[in-house]
Amino acid sequence: QVQLVESGGGLVQAGGSLRLSCTASRSIDRINTMGWYRQAPGKQRELVADISSGGTTYYADSVKGRFTISRDNAKNTLYLQMNSLKPEDTAVYYCANYDGGWGQGTQVTVSS
């Protein structure tokens, strides 16, 4: 099973930016779809964005126009560029391999 490790979380002011990375333990060339989810305190985990091996992307309405998902198969890495961050984006962000497996999560906190 592919191991996933997220990084790039932190504390940022509203309006700021962060880039999350998810590095896999082996090649992600053959992984069809990978995604980013988030879970805020007291809420269910929700899909933020995902991307297929062919580059087709999906975004939740709440992040459209602000977040960009991308993958670099040569680096075995999935990214989430987050701009114009809002306090409601505060959550633990998880990387997901749709063939099976989750990362441990990285905390993103946006202060107002």
N, C-alpha and C. Protein backbone atom coordinates (compact mmCIF):
# COMPACT_ATOMS: atom_id res chain seq x y z
N GLN A 1 0.84 -1.18 0.00
CA GLN A 1 0.00 0.00 0.00
C GLN A 1 0.88 1.24 0.00
N VAL A 2 0.46 2.25 -0.76
CA VAL A 2 1.22 3.49 -0.83
C VAL A 2 1.06 4.27 0.46
N GLN A 3 2.16 4.72 1.03
CA GLN A 3 2.13 5.58 2.22
C GLN A 3 2.13 7.03 1.74
N LEU A 4 1.30 7.85 2.41
CA LEU A 4 1.16 9.25 2.03
C LEU A 4 1.55 10.14 3.20
N VAL A 5 2.35 11.16 2.95
CA VAL A 5 2.78 12.08 4.00
C VAL A 5 2.50 13.51 3.56
N GLU A 6 1.65 14.20 4.32
CA GLU A 6 1.33 15.58 4.00
C GLU A 6 2.30 16.53 4.70
N SER A 7 2.46 17.71 4.12
CA SER A 7 3.25 18.76 4.73
C SER A 7 2.76 20.10 4.20
N GLY A 8 3.20 21.18 4.86
CA GLY A 8 2.88 22.51 4.35
C GLY A 8 1.81 23.25 5.13
N GLY A 9 1.19 22.58 6.10
CA GLY A 9 0.18 23.26 6.89
C GLY A 9 0.81 24.29 7.82
N GLY A 10 -0.05 25.07 8.47
CA GLY A 10 0.45 26.07 9.40
C GLY A 10 -0.60 27.09 9.75
N LEU A 11 -0.14 28.17 10.35
CA LEU A 11 -1.01 29.28 10.75
C LEU A 11 -0.80 30.44 9.79
N VAL A 12 -1.90 30.95 9.27
CA VAL A 12 -1.82 32.06 8.32
C VAL A 12 -2.99 33.01 8.57
N GLN A 13 -2.79 34.28 8.25
CA GLN A 13 -3.88 35.25 8.39
C GLN A 13 -4.86 35.13 7.23
N ALA A 14 -6.07 35.55 7.47
CA ALA A 14 -7.07 35.56 6.41
C ALA A 14 -6.55 36.36 5.22
N GLY A 15 -6.78 35.81 4.03
CA GLY A 15 -6.29 36.42 2.82
C GLY A 15 -4.94 35.89 2.37
N GLY A 16 -4.29 35.13 3.23
CA GLY A 16 -2.98 34.58 2.92
C GLY A 16 -3.05 33.31 2.10
N SER A 17 -1.87 32.73 1.89
CA SER A 17 -1.76 31.53 1.05
C SER A 17 -0.91 30.46 1.74
N LEU A 18 -1.19 29.22 1.38
CA LEU A 18 -0.38 28.08 1.78
C LEU A 18 -0.36 27.09 0.64
N ARG A 19 0.69 26.30 0.55
CA ARG A 19 0.72 25.19 -0.40
C ARG A 19 0.96 23.90 0.36
N LEU A 20 0.01 23.01 0.25
CA LEU A 20 0.14 21.69 0.86
C LEU A 20 0.77 20.72 -0.13
N SER A 21 1.58 19.81 0.40
CA SER A 21 2.18 18.76 -0.41
C SER A 21 1.84 17.41 0.19
N CYS A 22 1.71 16.42 -0.65
CA CYS A 22 1.46 15.04 -0.22
C CYS A 22 2.41 14.17 -1.01
N THR A 23 3.41 13.63 -0.33
CA THR A 23 4.42 12.81 -0.99
C THR A 23 4.13 11.34 -0.75
N ALA A 24 4.13 10.57 -1.83
CA ALA A 24 3.85 9.15 -1.75
C ALA A 24 5.14 8.35 -1.65
N SER A 25 5.01 7.15 -1.07
CA SER A 25 6.19 6.30 -0.84
C SER A 25 6.65 5.60 -2.11
N ARG A 26 5.81 5.62 -3.14
CA ARG A 26 6.21 5.05 -4.42
C ARG A 26 5.50 5.79 -5.53
N SER A 27 5.72 5.36 -6.74
CA SER A 27 5.17 6.04 -7.90
C SER A 27 3.65 6.17 -7.84
N ILE A 28 3.17 7.33 -8.25
CA ILE A 28 1.73 7.55 -8.30
C ILE A 28 1.21 7.52 -9.73
N ASP A 29 2.07 7.14 -10.67
CA ASP A 29 1.68 7.10 -12.08
C ASP A 29 0.41 6.30 -12.31
N ARG A 30 0.31 5.18 -11.59
CA ARG A 30 -0.81 4.27 -11.84
C ARG A 30 -2.00 4.52 -10.91
N ILE A 31 -1.90 5.54 -10.09
CA ILE A 31 -3.03 5.87 -9.23
C ILE A 31 -3.97 6.75 -10.03
N ASN A 32 -5.19 6.31 -10.23
CA ASN A 32 -6.10 7.05 -11.08
C ASN A 32 -6.43 8.41 -10.50
N THR A 33 -7.01 8.43 -9.33
CA THR A 33 -7.47 9.68 -8.74
C THR A 33 -6.92 9.86 -7.34
N MET A 34 -6.46 11.07 -7.06
CA MET A 34 -6.02 11.45 -5.72
C MET A 34 -6.74 12.73 -5.33
N GLY A 35 -6.91 12.91 -4.04
CA GLY A 35 -7.66 14.07 -3.61
C GLY A 35 -7.22 14.64 -2.28
N TRP A 36 -7.75 15.80 -1.98
CA TRP A 36 -7.58 16.45 -0.69
C TRP A 36 -8.94 16.54 0.00
N TYR A 37 -8.97 16.15 1.24
CA TYR A 37 -10.14 16.26 2.09
C TYR A 37 -9.77 17.13 3.28
N ARG A 38 -10.78 17.60 3.98
CA ARG A 38 -10.51 18.34 5.22
C ARG A 38 -11.59 18.03 6.25
N GLN A 39 -11.19 18.17 7.50
CA GLN A 39 -12.12 17.94 8.59
C GLN A 39 -11.92 19.02 9.65
N ALA A 40 -12.96 19.81 9.84
CA ALA A 40 -12.95 20.84 10.87
C ALA A 40 -13.49 20.25 12.18
N PRO A 41 -13.16 20.83 13.31
CA PRO A 41 -13.64 20.31 14.59
C PRO A 41 -15.16 20.21 14.62
N GLY A 42 -15.66 19.05 15.01
CA GLY A 42 -17.10 18.84 15.12
C GLY A 42 -17.82 18.64 13.81
N LYS A 43 -17.07 18.55 12.72
CA LYS A 43 -17.70 18.38 11.41
C LYS A 43 -17.20 17.11 10.73
N GLN A 44 -17.95 16.68 9.72
CA GLN A 44 -17.55 15.50 8.97
C GLN A 44 -16.43 15.85 7.99
N ARG A 45 -15.65 14.85 7.66
CA ARG A 45 -14.63 15.03 6.65
C ARG A 45 -15.31 15.32 5.31
N GLU A 46 -14.77 16.29 4.58
CA GLU A 46 -15.38 16.67 3.30
C GLU A 46 -14.32 16.75 2.21
N LEU A 47 -14.77 16.46 0.98
CA LEU A 47 -13.89 16.54 -0.17
C LEU A 47 -13.64 18.00 -0.52
N VAL A 48 -12.39 18.35 -0.70
CA VAL A 48 -12.01 19.70 -1.11
C VAL A 48 -11.78 19.74 -2.62
N ALA A 49 -10.96 18.83 -3.11
CA ALA A 49 -10.63 18.78 -4.53
C ALA A 49 -10.01 17.43 -4.85
N ASP A 50 -10.18 17.00 -6.09
CA ASP A 50 -9.46 15.80 -6.53
C ASP A 50 -9.01 15.95 -7.97
N ILE A 51 -8.11 15.04 -8.37
CA ILE A 51 -7.53 15.12 -9.70
C ILE A 51 -7.28 13.72 -10.21
N SER A 52 -7.65 13.46 -11.45
CA SER A 52 -7.44 12.16 -12.06
C SER A 52 -6.05 12.08 -12.66
N SER A 53 -5.68 10.89 -13.07
CA SER A 53 -4.37 10.72 -13.71
C SER A 53 -4.30 11.49 -15.01
N GLY A 54 -5.45 11.74 -15.62
CA GLY A 54 -5.48 12.50 -16.86
C GLY A 54 -5.56 14.00 -16.66
N GLY A 55 -5.63 14.42 -15.40
CA GLY A 55 -5.64 15.85 -15.11
C GLY A 55 -7.01 16.46 -14.91
N THR A 56 -8.05 15.65 -14.96
CA THR A 56 -9.40 16.18 -14.71
C THR A 56 -9.54 16.51 -13.23
N THR A 57 -10.03 17.71 -12.97
CA THR A 57 -10.13 18.16 -11.58
C THR A 57 -11.57 18.40 -11.15
N TYR A 58 -11.76 18.31 -9.86
CA TYR A 58 -13.04 18.63 -9.23
C TYR A 58 -12.74 19.51 -8.03
N TYR A 59 -13.59 20.53 -7.80
CA TYR A 59 -13.45 21.39 -6.63
C TYR A 59 -14.80 21.53 -5.93
N ALA A 60 -14.74 21.54 -4.62
CA ALA A 60 -15.94 21.88 -3.86
C ALA A 60 -16.28 23.34 -4.13
N ASP A 61 -17.56 23.66 -4.12
CA ASP A 61 -17.98 25.03 -4.40
C ASP A 61 -17.30 26.04 -3.47
N SER A 62 -17.08 25.63 -2.25
CA SER A 62 -16.53 26.55 -1.25
C SER A 62 -15.09 26.98 -1.54
N VAL A 63 -14.39 26.24 -2.41
CA VAL A 63 -12.98 26.58 -2.68
C VAL A 63 -12.72 26.93 -4.13
N LYS A 64 -13.73 26.84 -4.98
CA LYS A 64 -13.53 27.15 -6.40
C LYS A 64 -13.01 28.57 -6.57
N GLY A 65 -12.01 28.69 -7.43
CA GLY A 65 -11.42 30.00 -7.69
C GLY A 65 -10.35 30.41 -6.69
N ARG A 66 -10.23 29.66 -5.60
CA ARG A 66 -9.22 30.00 -4.59
C ARG A 66 -8.16 28.91 -4.44
N PHE A 67 -8.55 27.66 -4.61
CA PHE A 67 -7.64 26.53 -4.45
C PHE A 67 -7.33 25.91 -5.80
N THR A 68 -6.12 25.37 -5.94
CA THR A 68 -5.73 24.66 -7.15
C THR A 68 -5.04 23.36 -6.77
N ILE A 69 -5.56 22.25 -7.30
CA ILE A 69 -4.95 20.96 -7.07
C ILE A 69 -4.09 20.59 -8.28
N SER A 70 -2.96 19.95 -8.00
CA SER A 70 -2.10 19.51 -9.09
C SER A 70 -1.31 18.29 -8.61
N ARG A 71 -0.75 17.58 -9.57
CA ARG A 71 0.07 16.41 -9.23
C ARG A 71 1.30 16.40 -10.10
N ASP A 72 2.41 15.97 -9.52
CA ASP A 72 3.66 15.82 -10.25
C ASP A 72 4.06 14.36 -10.11
N ASN A 73 3.74 13.57 -11.12
CA ASN A 73 4.00 12.13 -11.05
C ASN A 73 5.50 11.84 -10.93
N ALA A 74 6.33 12.68 -11.54
CA ALA A 74 7.78 12.46 -11.49
C ALA A 74 8.31 12.60 -10.06
N LYS A 75 7.62 13.41 -9.26
CA LYS A 75 8.04 13.62 -7.86
C LYS A 75 7.16 12.85 -6.88
N ASN A 76 6.24 12.06 -7.42
CA ASN A 76 5.32 11.28 -6.56
C ASN A 76 4.59 12.18 -5.56
N THR A 77 4.20 13.36 -6.01
CA THR A 77 3.65 14.35 -5.09
C THR A 77 2.36 14.97 -5.61
N LEU A 78 1.43 15.14 -4.70
CA LEU A 78 0.17 15.83 -4.93
C LEU A 78 0.24 17.17 -4.21
N TYR A 79 -0.29 18.22 -4.82
CA TYR A 79 -0.25 19.55 -4.22
C TYR A 79 -1.64 20.15 -4.09
N LEU A 80 -1.75 21.09 -3.15
CA LEU A 80 -2.95 21.91 -3.05
C LEU A 80 -2.50 23.34 -2.76
N GLN A 81 -2.61 24.19 -3.77
CA GLN A 81 -2.30 25.61 -3.58
C GLN A 81 -3.56 26.30 -3.08
N MET A 82 -3.46 26.94 -1.94
CA MET A 82 -4.61 27.58 -1.31
C MET A 82 -4.36 29.07 -1.21
N ASN A 83 -5.16 29.85 -1.90
CA ASN A 83 -5.04 31.31 -1.88
C ASN A 83 -6.30 31.92 -1.27
N SER A 84 -6.21 33.18 -0.89
CA SER A 84 -7.35 33.91 -0.33
C SER A 84 -8.01 33.11 0.79
N LEU A 85 -7.19 32.62 1.68
CA LEU A 85 -7.70 31.76 2.74
C LEU A 85 -8.65 32.51 3.68
N LYS A 86 -9.64 31.77 4.16
CA LYS A 86 -10.65 32.31 5.06
C LYS A 86 -10.62 31.53 6.38
N PRO A 87 -11.10 32.13 7.45
CA PRO A 87 -11.14 31.39 8.73
C PRO A 87 -11.90 30.06 8.62
N GLU A 88 -12.92 30.02 7.77
CA GLU A 88 -13.68 28.78 7.63
C GLU A 88 -12.92 27.68 6.90
N ASP A 89 -11.74 27.99 6.38
CA ASP A 89 -10.88 26.96 5.78
C ASP A 89 -10.08 26.22 6.85
N THR A 90 -10.15 26.67 8.07
CA THR A 90 -9.41 26.03 9.16
C THR A 90 -9.88 24.59 9.33
N ALA A 91 -8.93 23.66 9.28
CA ALA A 91 -9.25 22.23 9.37
C ALA A 91 -7.96 21.43 9.31
N VAL A 92 -8.09 20.15 9.55
CA VAL A 92 -7.00 19.22 9.24
C VAL A 92 -7.22 18.75 7.81
N TYR A 93 -6.20 18.86 7.00
CA TYR A 93 -6.28 18.51 5.59
C TYR A 93 -5.59 17.16 5.37
N TYR A 94 -6.30 16.28 4.67
CA TYR A 94 -5.82 14.93 4.43
C TYR A 94 -5.68 14.68 2.94
N CYS A 95 -4.64 13.97 2.61
CA CYS A 95 -4.41 13.50 1.25
C CYS A 95 -5.01 12.11 1.12
N ALA A 96 -5.64 11.83 -0.01
CA ALA A 96 -6.28 10.54 -0.20
C ALA A 96 -5.89 9.92 -1.53
N ASN A 97 -5.63 8.62 -1.47
CA ASN A 97 -5.41 7.81 -2.66
C ASN A 97 -6.69 7.02 -2.86
N TYR A 98 -7.39 7.26 -3.96
CA TYR A 98 -8.69 6.63 -4.14
C TYR A 98 -8.59 5.11 -4.35
N ASP A 99 -7.37 4.62 -4.59
CA ASP A 99 -7.18 3.17 -4.65
C ASP A 99 -7.03 2.58 -3.26
N GLY A 100 -7.00 3.48 -2.24
CA GLY A 100 -6.93 3.00 -0.86
C GLY A 100 -5.79 3.64 -0.10
N GLY A 101 -6.12 4.41 0.93
CA GLY A 101 -5.09 4.96 1.78
C GLY A 101 -5.24 6.44 2.01
N TRP A 102 -4.87 6.85 3.22
CA TRP A 102 -4.93 8.25 3.64
C TRP A 102 -3.60 8.65 4.27
N GLY A 103 -3.31 9.95 4.19
CA GLY A 103 -2.20 10.48 4.95
C GLY A 103 -2.62 10.73 6.39
N GLN A 104 -1.68 11.23 7.19
CA GLN A 104 -1.95 11.46 8.60
C GLN A 104 -2.60 12.82 8.85
N GLY A 105 -2.58 13.68 7.87
CA GLY A 105 -3.19 14.99 7.98
C GLY A 105 -2.21 16.08 8.36
N THR A 106 -2.54 17.29 7.96
CA THR A 106 -1.75 18.47 8.31
C THR A 106 -2.72 19.59 8.70
N GLN A 107 -2.41 20.27 9.78
CA GLN A 107 -3.32 21.29 10.31
C GLN A 107 -3.13 22.60 9.55
N VAL A 108 -4.25 23.18 9.15
CA VAL A 108 -4.29 24.52 8.57
C VAL A 108 -5.17 25.38 9.46
N THR A 109 -4.62 26.48 9.93
CA THR A 109 -5.37 27.40 10.78
C THR A 109 -5.30 28.79 10.17
N VAL A 110 -6.47 29.37 9.93
CA VAL A 110 -6.57 30.70 9.33
C VAL A 110 -7.16 31.64 10.37
N SER A 111 -6.39 32.65 10.73
CA SER A 111 -6.86 33.61 11.73
C SER A 111 -7.53 34.80 11.07
N SER A 112 -8.49 35.36 11.75
CA SER A 112 -9.24 36.50 11.18
C SER A 112 -8.59 37.82 11.54
